[in-house]
Structures are given as C-alpha cells and as structure tokens.
Protein backbone atom coordinates (compact mmCIF):
# COMPACT_ATOMS: atom_id res chain seq x y z
CA MET A 1 84.23 60.41 76.68
CA ILE A 2 84.69 60.52 80.25
CA ASP A 3 81.87 60.45 82.09
CA GLN A 4 82.74 60.70 85.65
CA TYR A 5 85.96 62.50 87.08
CA ASN A 6 89.54 60.81 87.20
CA LEU A 7 91.84 61.47 90.33
CA ASP A 8 94.87 62.50 88.09
CA ASN A 9 95.17 65.96 89.78
CA GLU A 10 97.26 67.55 86.70
CA LEU A 11 96.35 65.89 83.49
CA LEU A 12 92.89 65.83 83.30
CA GLU A 13 90.33 68.81 82.96
CA VAL A 14 87.11 66.81 83.53
CA ASP A 15 83.68 69.08 83.00
CA ASP A 16 80.86 66.58 83.97
CA GLU A 17 81.43 65.25 87.66
CA LEU A 18 78.93 62.87 89.63
CA THR A 19 78.85 61.51 92.79
CA PRO A 20 80.03 58.18 93.05
CA ALA A 21 78.24 55.89 95.10
CA PRO A 22 78.41 52.11 96.37
CA SER A 23 77.13 49.40 94.18
CA GLU A 24 75.03 46.81 95.20
CA ASN A 25 78.03 44.82 96.11
CA GLY A 26 78.89 47.56 98.41
CA LEU A 27 82.03 48.35 95.94
CA TYR A 28 82.62 52.12 95.03
CA GLU A 29 83.07 53.50 91.42
CA HIS A 30 86.15 55.25 91.07
CA PHE A 31 86.25 55.73 87.47
CA ARG A 32 83.73 55.42 84.50
CA PHE A 33 84.28 55.68 80.74
CA VAL A 34 81.61 55.63 78.02
CA VAL A 35 83.12 54.24 74.98
CA ASP A 36 83.16 56.58 72.09
CA LYS A 37 80.60 56.24 69.08
CA GLY A 38 82.48 54.63 66.07
CA GLN A 39 85.17 53.31 68.08
CA ALA A 40 86.23 49.81 66.81
CA MET A 41 86.14 46.80 69.49
CA THR A 42 89.36 47.06 71.50
CA ARG A 43 90.50 45.01 74.42
CA VAL A 44 89.50 46.56 77.56
CA ASP A 45 92.84 46.81 79.30
CA LYS A 46 94.25 48.24 76.15
CA TYR A 47 91.24 50.64 76.35
CA LEU A 48 91.71 51.79 79.80
CA VAL A 49 95.78 52.31 79.66
CA ASN A 50 95.04 54.71 76.58
CA CYS A 51 92.50 56.57 78.96
CA MET A 52 94.48 56.96 82.43
CA SER A 53 97.60 58.05 83.15
CA ASN A 54 100.44 56.65 85.37
CA ILE A 55 98.92 53.00 85.18
CA SER A 56 100.59 50.22 83.53
CA ARG A 57 98.52 47.29 81.43
CA ASN A 58 99.74 44.82 83.85
CA ARG A 59 98.05 46.69 86.90
CA ILE A 60 94.69 46.88 84.61
CA GLN A 61 94.88 43.19 84.15
CA GLU A 62 95.42 42.52 87.87
CA ALA A 63 92.45 44.51 88.47
CA ALA A 64 90.34 42.99 86.19
CA ASP A 65 91.38 39.31 87.58
CA ALA A 66 90.30 40.77 90.83
CA GLY A 67 86.78 41.67 89.44
CA ASN A 68 87.29 45.47 89.55
CA ILE A 69 86.75 46.14 86.10
CA LEU A 70 82.96 45.97 84.97
CA ALA A 71 81.65 46.40 81.37
CA ASN A 72 78.14 47.54 81.96
CA GLY A 73 77.94 46.99 85.39
CA LYS A 74 79.35 43.31 85.21
CA PRO A 75 83.10 41.98 85.92
CA VAL A 76 84.84 41.33 82.92
CA LYS A 77 88.18 40.18 82.04
CA SER A 78 91.14 42.09 80.78
CA ASN A 79 90.57 40.57 77.12
CA TYR A 80 86.91 41.31 76.74
CA LYS A 81 86.55 43.88 73.65
CA ALA A 82 84.86 47.07 74.82
CA LYS A 83 82.46 48.21 71.99
CA PRO A 84 80.79 51.68 71.43
CA LEU A 85 79.02 53.06 74.26
CA ASP A 86 79.96 50.67 76.45
CA VAL A 87 80.14 52.11 80.02
CA ILE A 88 83.49 50.59 81.70
CA SER A 89 83.77 50.98 85.22
CA ILE A 90 86.82 50.74 87.83
CA VAL A 91 85.34 49.61 91.09
CA MET A 92 87.15 49.36 94.63
CA ALA A 93 86.19 48.42 98.10
CA TYR A 94 86.47 52.29 99.48
CA PRO A 95 85.25 55.66 98.30
CA PRO A 96 87.19 57.43 96.05
CA SER A 97 87.80 60.46 97.99
CA GLN A 98 91.15 59.38 99.62
CA PHE A 99 92.27 62.95 100.55
CA GLU A 100 90.23 64.93 103.14
CA ILE A 101 90.26 68.31 102.28
CA ILE A 102 91.20 70.70 105.14
CA PRO A 103 90.89 74.45 104.79
CA GLN A 104 94.19 76.22 104.93
CA ASP A 105 94.78 80.05 104.22
CA ILE A 106 96.18 80.11 100.84
CA PRO A 107 95.89 83.49 98.95
CA ILE A 108 93.46 83.59 96.28
CA TYR A 109 92.17 85.97 94.01
CA ILE A 110 88.42 85.95 93.72
CA GLU A 111 86.95 87.71 90.78
CA TYR A 112 83.43 87.18 91.25
CA GLU A 113 81.25 85.48 94.05
CA ASP A 114 77.71 85.15 94.98
CA ASP A 115 75.22 82.60 96.91
CA ASP A 116 75.87 80.02 93.92
CA ILE A 117 79.29 80.46 92.63
CA ILE A 118 83.08 81.73 92.95
CA LEU A 119 84.92 82.53 90.10
CA VAL A 120 88.70 82.37 91.21
CA ASN A 121 91.88 84.07 89.06
CA LYS A 122 94.15 80.93 90.01
CA GLN A 123 97.46 81.85 90.32
CA PRO A 124 100.39 79.70 88.49
CA ASN A 125 102.29 76.90 90.54
CA LEU A 126 98.79 76.26 92.50
CA VAL A 127 97.55 72.50 92.12
CA VAL A 128 93.88 72.96 91.62
CA HIS A 129 92.98 69.71 93.88
CA PRO A 130 94.33 67.10 96.31
CA GLY A 131 96.13 64.10 94.68
CA PHE A 132 98.94 61.83 94.72
CA GLY A 133 102.21 63.81 95.43
CA ASN A 134 99.99 67.07 96.52
CA PHE A 135 97.71 65.88 99.47
CA ASP A 136 97.20 69.69 100.43
CA GLY A 137 98.19 73.31 99.56
CA THR A 138 95.51 73.21 96.67
CA LEU A 139 92.97 75.56 95.47
CA LEU A 140 90.29 73.50 96.77
CA ASN A 141 92.08 73.96 100.43
CA ALA A 142 91.82 77.73 99.90
CA ILE A 143 88.43 77.53 98.76
CA ALA A 144 87.49 75.47 102.21
CA TRP A 145 89.14 78.14 104.42
CA HIS A 146 87.34 81.09 102.66
CA LEU A 147 84.00 79.27 103.33
CA LYS A 148 84.88 77.65 106.26
CA ASP A 149 82.07 79.23 108.07
CA HIS A 150 79.67 78.70 105.18
CA PRO A 151 76.88 76.59 106.58
CA HIS A 152 75.91 74.46 104.08
CA PHE A 153 79.75 74.35 101.92
CA ASP A 154 81.35 71.05 102.64
CA ALA A 155 84.66 70.97 100.43
CA ASN A 156 84.66 67.31 100.59
CA ASP A 157 81.29 66.63 99.14
CA SER A 158 81.93 66.00 95.38
CA ARG A 159 78.44 67.05 94.57
CA ILE A 160 79.82 70.79 94.90
CA GLY A 161 82.95 72.25 94.26
CA LEU A 162 85.23 72.42 90.96
CA VAL A 163 83.33 72.67 87.96
CA HIS A 164 86.03 72.29 85.44
CA ARG A 165 89.98 72.17 86.00
CA ILE A 166 93.38 73.89 84.75
CA ASP A 167 96.78 72.81 84.85
CA LYS A 168 98.78 73.36 88.02
CA ASP A 169 101.14 75.70 85.67
CA THR A 170 98.45 77.16 83.91
CA SER A 171 97.36 80.69 85.56
CA GLY A 172 93.60 81.82 85.13
CA LEU A 173 89.80 81.61 85.55
CA ILE A 174 88.04 78.63 87.09
CA LEU A 175 84.91 78.17 88.29
CA ILE A 176 83.59 76.68 91.88
CA ALA A 177 79.80 75.90 92.67
CA LYS A 178 78.92 76.20 96.02
CA THR A 179 75.47 74.30 95.61
CA GLU A 180 74.51 70.69 94.19
CA GLU A 181 72.61 72.44 91.91
CA ALA A 182 75.07 75.19 90.45
CA LYS A 183 77.45 72.44 89.93
CA THR A 184 75.05 70.35 87.95
CA LYS A 185 73.86 73.29 85.70
CA LEU A 186 77.14 74.28 85.16
CA GLY A 187 78.80 70.92 84.48
CA LYS A 188 76.35 70.38 81.89
CA GLN A 189 77.22 73.74 80.11
CA PHE A 190 80.95 72.49 79.87
CA PHE A 191 79.77 69.12 78.81
CA ASP A 192 77.72 70.56 76.10
CA LYS A 193 80.37 73.04 75.12
CA THR A 194 78.11 76.20 75.42
CA THR A 195 80.57 78.03 77.89
CA GLN A 196 83.03 80.73 76.18
CA ARG A 197 86.64 80.11 77.08
CA ARG A 198 89.55 82.19 75.54
CA TYR A 199 93.36 81.77 76.70
CA GLN A 200 96.65 83.82 75.91
CA ALA A 201 99.80 82.02 74.95
CA LEU A 202 103.00 83.15 74.37
CA VAL A 203 104.48 80.48 71.48
CA TRP A 204 107.70 79.83 69.94
CA GLY A 205 108.16 81.18 66.41
CA ASN A 206 106.54 83.52 63.77
CA VAL A 207 103.02 82.32 63.35
CA LYS A 208 102.47 83.18 59.77
CA GLU A 209 98.63 83.13 59.45
CA ASP A 210 96.72 85.94 61.37
CA GLU A 211 94.26 83.03 62.69
CA GLY A 212 93.37 79.42 62.07
CA THR A 213 91.77 76.61 63.40
CA ILE A 214 93.59 73.32 64.26
CA ILE A 215 91.57 70.16 64.26
CA GLY A 216 93.17 66.98 65.73
CA ALA A 217 92.45 64.23 67.88
CA LEU A 218 94.23 63.60 71.11
CA ALA A 219 95.20 60.64 72.91
CA ARG A 220 98.33 60.01 75.19
CA ASP A 221 101.60 59.71 73.60
CA PRO A 222 102.35 55.99 73.39
CA ARG A 223 106.26 56.95 73.84
CA ASP A 224 105.33 59.40 76.88
CA ARG A 225 102.22 58.84 78.67
CA MET A 226 102.37 61.89 80.61
CA GLN A 227 102.30 64.03 77.17
CA PHE A 228 99.43 64.01 74.91
CA ALA A 229 99.75 63.48 71.09
CA VAL A 230 97.53 64.40 67.88
CA PHE A 231 96.25 61.48 65.61
CA PRO A 232 94.75 61.54 62.64
CA GLU A 233 90.68 61.28 62.95
CA GLY A 234 89.73 57.66 63.05
CA GLU A 235 93.56 56.17 63.62
CA ASN A 236 93.55 56.08 67.34
CA PRO A 237 90.16 54.54 68.57
CA VAL A 238 90.66 55.91 72.35
CA ALA A 239 91.61 59.66 70.68
CA LYS A 240 89.18 62.33 71.39
CA HIS A 241 87.72 64.93 68.98
CA ALA A 242 89.44 68.48 69.53
CA VAL A 243 89.29 71.83 68.02
CA THR A 244 90.98 75.24 68.94
CA HIS A 245 90.74 78.44 67.19
CA TYR A 246 93.67 80.89 67.53
CA LYS A 247 94.26 84.46 66.43
CA VAL A 248 97.57 86.22 66.46
CA LEU A 249 98.12 89.13 68.76
CA GLU A 250 101.45 90.41 68.50
CA ARG A 251 104.64 88.86 66.94
CA MET A 252 107.79 89.52 68.62
CA ALA A 253 111.16 88.57 66.98
CA TYR A 254 111.22 84.72 67.41
CA VAL A 255 107.73 84.34 69.39
CA THR A 256 104.15 85.26 69.10
CA LEU A 257 101.24 86.25 71.20
CA VAL A 258 98.14 84.56 70.40
CA GLU A 259 94.68 84.12 71.52
CA CYS A 260 93.05 80.53 71.44
CA ARG A 261 89.56 79.67 72.06
CA LEU A 262 88.42 76.59 72.86
CA GLU A 263 86.05 74.56 71.06
CA THR A 264 86.21 71.52 72.92
CA GLY A 265 88.00 71.21 76.29
CA ARG A 266 90.53 68.01 76.19
CA THR A 267 93.66 67.68 78.32
CA HIS A 268 96.48 70.14 77.32
CA GLN A 269 94.46 70.91 74.21
CA ILE A 270 96.07 74.08 73.55
CA ARG A 271 99.71 72.82 74.51
CA VAL A 272 99.56 69.90 72.18
CA HIS A 273 97.71 71.45 69.08
CA MET A 274 99.88 74.50 69.18
CA LYS A 275 103.29 72.52 69.10
CA HIS A 276 101.75 70.40 66.45
CA ILE A 277 101.46 73.29 64.16
CA GLY A 278 104.93 73.67 65.09
CA HIS A 279 104.36 76.49 67.84
CA THR A 280 105.51 74.83 71.21
CA LEU A 281 104.03 76.89 74.12
CA PHE A 282 107.04 79.37 75.66
CA ASN A 283 108.82 77.24 78.48
CA ASP A 284 106.37 74.51 78.36
CA GLU A 285 108.95 72.08 79.82
CA ARG A 286 106.69 69.08 79.09
CA TYR A 287 106.39 69.30 75.51
CA GLY A 288 109.71 70.78 74.90
CA GLY A 289 109.37 74.50 75.07
CA HIS A 290 112.05 75.19 77.88
CA GLU A 291 114.85 74.70 75.17
CA VAL A 292 115.71 77.51 72.68
CA LEU A 293 113.32 76.58 69.82
CA LYS A 294 113.59 79.76 67.55
CA GLY A 295 116.50 82.27 67.31
CA THR A 296 120.31 82.67 67.01
CA THR A 297 123.19 80.59 68.29
CA ALA A 298 124.39 83.67 69.85
CA ALA A 299 125.60 83.65 73.80
CA LYS A 300 124.14 86.74 74.29
CA TYR A 301 120.61 85.60 72.71
CA LYS A 302 121.05 82.22 74.43
CA GLN A 303 121.57 84.46 77.99
CA PHE A 304 118.32 86.50 77.16
CA VAL A 305 116.05 83.55 76.61
CA LYS A 306 117.28 82.06 79.83
CA ASN A 307 116.51 85.34 81.63
CA CYS A 308 113.06 85.26 80.03
CA PHE A 309 112.82 81.34 81.23
CA GLU A 310 113.43 82.75 84.84
CA ILE A 311 111.17 85.58 84.45
CA CYS A 312 108.25 82.97 83.81
CA PRO A 313 109.05 79.72 85.20
CA ARG A 314 106.29 77.82 83.73
CA GLN A 315 104.18 77.47 80.31
CA ALA A 316 103.19 80.87 79.16
CA LEU A 317 99.31 80.15 79.15
CA HIS A 318 96.54 82.03 80.70
CA ALA A 319 92.91 80.94 80.94
CA LYS A 320 91.80 84.68 80.53
CA THR A 321 88.15 84.86 79.70
CA LEU A 322 85.13 82.49 80.88
CA GLY A 323 81.41 83.15 79.83
CA PHE A 324 78.46 81.08 81.30
CA THR A 325 75.05 81.13 81.96
CA HIS A 326 74.53 81.69 85.70
CA PRO A 327 72.84 78.28 87.05
CA THR A 328 70.19 80.35 88.70
CA THR A 329 69.59 83.83 87.43
CA GLY A 330 70.06 82.50 83.97
CA GLU A 331 71.84 85.67 83.10
CA MET A 332 74.64 85.54 80.66
CA MET A 333 78.16 86.34 82.38
CA HIS A 334 81.48 86.90 80.97
CA PHE A 335 84.63 87.52 83.02
CA ASP A 336 88.08 88.64 82.03
CA SER A 337 91.36 88.64 83.66
CA GLU A 338 94.37 90.44 83.66
CA LEU A 339 97.62 88.44 82.58
CA PRO A 340 99.72 87.65 85.91
CA GLN A 341 103.05 89.63 86.22
CA ASP A 342 105.09 87.12 85.25
CA MET A 343 103.47 86.80 82.02
CA GLN A 344 103.36 90.48 81.61
CA GLN A 345 107.20 90.81 82.35
CA LEU A 346 107.91 88.04 79.90
CA ILE A 347 106.00 89.66 76.96
CA GLU A 348 107.39 93.53 77.46
CA LYS A 349 110.94 91.62 77.71
CA TRP A 350 110.41 89.73 74.55
CA GLN A 351 108.92 93.14 73.07
CA ASN A 352 112.00 95.29 73.75
CA TYR A 353 114.07 92.86 72.30
CA ALA A 354 111.84 93.00 69.22
CA ARG A 355 112.16 96.74 69.25
CA THR A 356 116.22 96.30 69.03
CA MET A 357 115.99 94.13 65.73
CA GLU A 358 113.86 97.15 63.76
C-alpha cells in the first residue's frame, strides 16, 4: 500500500497524501511504502523496483549504500528482507517538491466550486501536476491561476490541492481541496474506498456478458515497466488487489461502450483489467489498443479505423461520475459530466458504421 505520494506524474493515482517533513537527521522523505499484510519477505531493492516506475535495481542499491533507504526509520542495505507492515522510506537531503507550481492561464472546466473544494472536468492531454518532462502547463498550474487572488491558497503547499489523479490522456472529473482539512477528509474517503466513481470506455470487441466483475491483482509488468499486468492473487508479493465492475452500454460492430465502476483505485486499473478479459481500450497505445484488434482486413475498414484514431487520438476513457461526502457540510454529493467531444464523435462514427452492417 502506498502511504504517501509518488512523484511519477502519469502512472500513479494516489489517494492518500501527507505532508513530507525533514527527519531528525535533516533528511526529507520522498517516498513511503507500507508492505502489505501477508506478503512474503522480499529483498527491499526488489520490493522497491516493483513499487516504482522508471527506476533500476542498481539505482535502488546505490541509494541503500548511501543510507537513503529506511525500514521503520532506520537505514538498511539492499539485501534487507522487507516483511509485512514494514514502513519503507526513501529519503533525500532536499525536499521532494522540486517543481515550483507557477500560475498559468490554462483553460479548465469547473463543474463545481465552493470555499472548500473545486471539481474540474479535465480535458484530455492535460497532465495533472508537474513532473519530469512536464514542468508546467499542468492542471495544477491552471488551478494556481484560477486561485491566484485567493488569500489562503498556496499551490505549492502539499497539504492542499489534488485529492486524487487521473492519467494525462484520460478525461473527466478530478477533485481539488482548497483547505488542509478538506484534503485530509477527502483523502480518507478515497483511501477507505467510500467514494463512488464511474468511467465510460470504448473497448475493442463485442463484450458478450451484459455485466460482470473483474478481479485481478495489479503490479508492474516485468517485461515493460511502463505497463501494469494482472497477477493471480498471491503470486506476486507486491501486486495489489483490484476489482472493477463493468456494464455494457452499447455494442457497435467491433467495439463496445462500457461503464466501469471502480471498487479499488489502482494505477491503470480499467485499462489493464479490460485488456485482461480481451477488450483493450480503443486507441490505448500503451496497451496495444492503437492497432486494429477486431474487424476485417479490408482496406476500407482499416481506413475507417485510422480515421477513428484521428478523431480520438488517445485512449477512449472518461471519468464520468464522482460521488463523495462534502468535507465540511457532510452532504453526499454526486456529479455527472458529459463525454468530451472527441469521444462523442468517436462513438457516433461507430454507431453509423454499425448501422451499415444491419
């Protein structure tokens, strides 16, 4: 379980964020992981490589040699055997916030706002927060601009701001806290899985069952660390239990529009789970959905699919609804957002194609 935030800006959706502080020796905690219950004892370097993206085992070992890897607050070497409920930390001599969030006038679509929260319907191709390769031009830069005259909002204060995250190319609802109290209370709701989240996705193939549930633990794919994969429960010690409920909304020739309800909120969960049952998200390049996976070999059909890719040049996934308890009033709030134009046009194009096959 990730107990604090990760600076990997695209791959991780993290629900529980705490404020980092220097330890007694002046080092700052950048990452913290709590080893899951029931996990077999695993070398800490192997454990961390499986938990983090874009980092090699050699780099982890070098960090351990330099005293930057802690287990339960004490430095450990790379061969330390991490056991259940160990708190594994990576500490550095500098604070983790390496990217100053400067206000930028970037258009955003606000669904709701009050003194405590902002709910944004994020457009596709907008990175949520700064990171390596995306130093600005993010949703947080836009929020900083929107609240530049707010006397108490500091976009660089990790005690406020993003409550959860969605991928750069996923559109839809995302929640921002204006106060520390709001972020703490909302973060607990995400961590306790009491929020209500539904997505719509266009997937390859004819999903036969009208509805179903996908259960499969998720961890990084050892063959490609930019991807996640499904593992049988108990096979991979760092794989995290994940549950997705789906319902068919419409079948259109060689694709299906589905609604996915998250019971857990793992990284790339819908994308990986749908691929696992043979229905990769349409135009999801990372997981192979940018190829013609279903249909005919006719040149005319291939051109049609190419045109569809151009209409919606990203994975066809939208975070459509979000329900949560307001952190101040205690009121149960529920929001529904329209599909963005690219997905609407994509669905209409497939609907028209399906009618020609009747």
